[in-house]
Protein backbone atom coordinates (compact mmCIF):
# COMPACT_ATOMS: atom_id res chain seq x y z
CA MET A 1 95.08 120.39 39.67
CA LYS A 2 93.10 117.51 38.22
CA VAL A 3 94.99 114.35 37.23
CA PHE A 4 93.83 111.50 34.97
CA ILE A 5 94.86 107.92 35.84
CA SER A 6 94.42 105.00 33.43
CA GLY A 7 95.37 101.34 33.55
CA LEU A 8 94.11 100.91 37.10
CA PRO A 9 93.72 97.35 38.33
CA LEU A 10 90.03 96.57 38.79
CA GLN A 11 90.49 95.63 42.46
CA VAL A 12 91.83 99.06 43.47
CA GLY A 13 89.35 101.15 45.46
CA GLU A 14 89.08 104.88 45.97
CA GLY A 15 90.33 104.70 49.56
CA GLU A 16 93.51 102.89 48.59
CA LEU A 17 94.19 105.22 45.67
CA THR A 18 93.60 108.28 47.87
CA GLU A 19 96.26 106.97 50.27
CA VAL A 20 98.72 106.50 47.41
CA PHE A 21 98.25 110.06 46.12
CA SER A 22 98.28 111.48 49.65
CA ASP A 23 101.96 110.53 49.79
CA PHE A 24 102.54 113.49 47.45
CA GLY A 25 100.17 115.98 49.14
CA PRO A 26 96.56 116.62 50.17
CA VAL A 27 93.90 115.11 47.90
CA LYS A 28 90.89 117.34 47.29
CA SER A 29 88.80 114.66 45.56
CA LEU A 30 89.22 111.28 43.89
CA ARG A 31 86.87 109.26 41.71
CA ILE A 32 87.30 105.91 40.00
CA ILE A 33 84.92 105.68 37.05
CA LYS A 34 82.57 102.70 37.25
CA ASP A 35 80.19 100.97 34.88
CA HIS A 36 76.63 102.13 35.61
CA GLN A 37 75.14 98.64 35.46
CA THR A 38 77.79 96.41 37.02
CA LYS A 39 79.33 99.04 39.35
CA GLN A 40 82.76 97.62 38.44
CA SER A 41 85.73 99.88 37.84
CA LYS A 42 86.42 100.81 34.23
CA GLY A 43 90.14 101.01 35.04
CA PHE A 44 90.50 104.78 35.06
CA GLY A 45 89.75 107.73 37.26
CA PHE A 46 90.54 111.26 38.34
CA VAL A 47 92.25 112.75 41.35
CA GLU A 48 92.21 116.43 42.21
CA MET A 49 95.08 117.61 44.35
CA VAL A 50 95.16 120.83 46.35
CA ASN A 51 98.65 121.89 45.25
CA GLU A 52 99.67 121.97 41.57
CA ASP A 53 103.37 121.30 42.30
CA GLU A 54 102.47 118.23 44.36
CA ALA A 55 100.19 116.99 41.57
CA LYS A 56 103.03 117.38 39.06
CA GLU A 57 105.33 115.47 41.42
CA ALA A 58 102.78 112.64 41.64
CA ILE A 59 102.54 112.52 37.83
CA LYS A 60 106.32 112.47 37.51
CA HIS A 61 106.76 109.60 39.97
CA MET A 62 103.72 107.48 39.14
CA ASN A 63 103.37 107.65 35.36
CA GLY A 64 104.53 104.41 33.76
CA GLN A 65 104.93 102.60 37.09
CA ARG A 66 103.67 99.12 37.86
CA TYR A 67 100.66 99.10 40.19
CA TYR A 68 99.84 95.52 41.09
CA GLU A 69 100.34 93.89 37.67
CA ASN A 70 99.31 96.88 35.55
CA ILE A 71 101.37 99.71 34.12
CA ILE A 72 99.46 102.88 34.96
CA ARG A 73 99.43 106.16 33.05
CA VAL A 74 99.14 109.36 35.05
CA ASN A 75 98.79 112.76 33.29
CA VAL A 76 97.19 116.15 33.66
CA ALA A 77 93.46 115.75 33.02
CA GLU A 78 92.18 117.56 29.93
CA ASP A 79 89.22 119.85 30.41
CA LYS A 80 86.68 118.61 27.87
CA GLY A 81 84.22 121.39 28.68
CA PRO A 82 80.53 120.95 29.47
CA ARG A 83 78.92 117.65 28.62
CA PRO A 84 75.91 117.49 26.30
CA THR A 85 72.53 117.48 28.00
CA ASN A 86 70.75 115.49 25.30
CA GLY A 87 71.16 112.20 27.14
CA GLY A 88 74.20 111.20 25.12
CA HIS A 89 72.20 110.22 22.03
CA GLY A 90 74.24 112.40 19.70
CA GLY A 91 71.51 114.79 18.64
CA LYS A 92 67.96 114.60 17.43
CA ARG A 93 66.38 111.24 16.84
CA ARG A 94 64.09 110.46 13.96
CA PHE A 95 61.07 108.31 14.57
């Protein structure tokens, strides 16, 4: 099950966050989303856990909790479907 985490403190790394979620069960993958230019965290990410029940337990215990000085939000990640392949420009460009 894929879980969305928002409100992450900027200093939190993927290794630390993997350890936190591992308390609830095996983590299949984890990614903190970063700015392409600065490589700094954008304050949100995704964790995929092997077991759905363990993922739900993590959501239940972590959502709304204080992590460092931030209140984090932890929910089931929504499947947005395939991303556009047009480079993110929103369609055809006129020149």
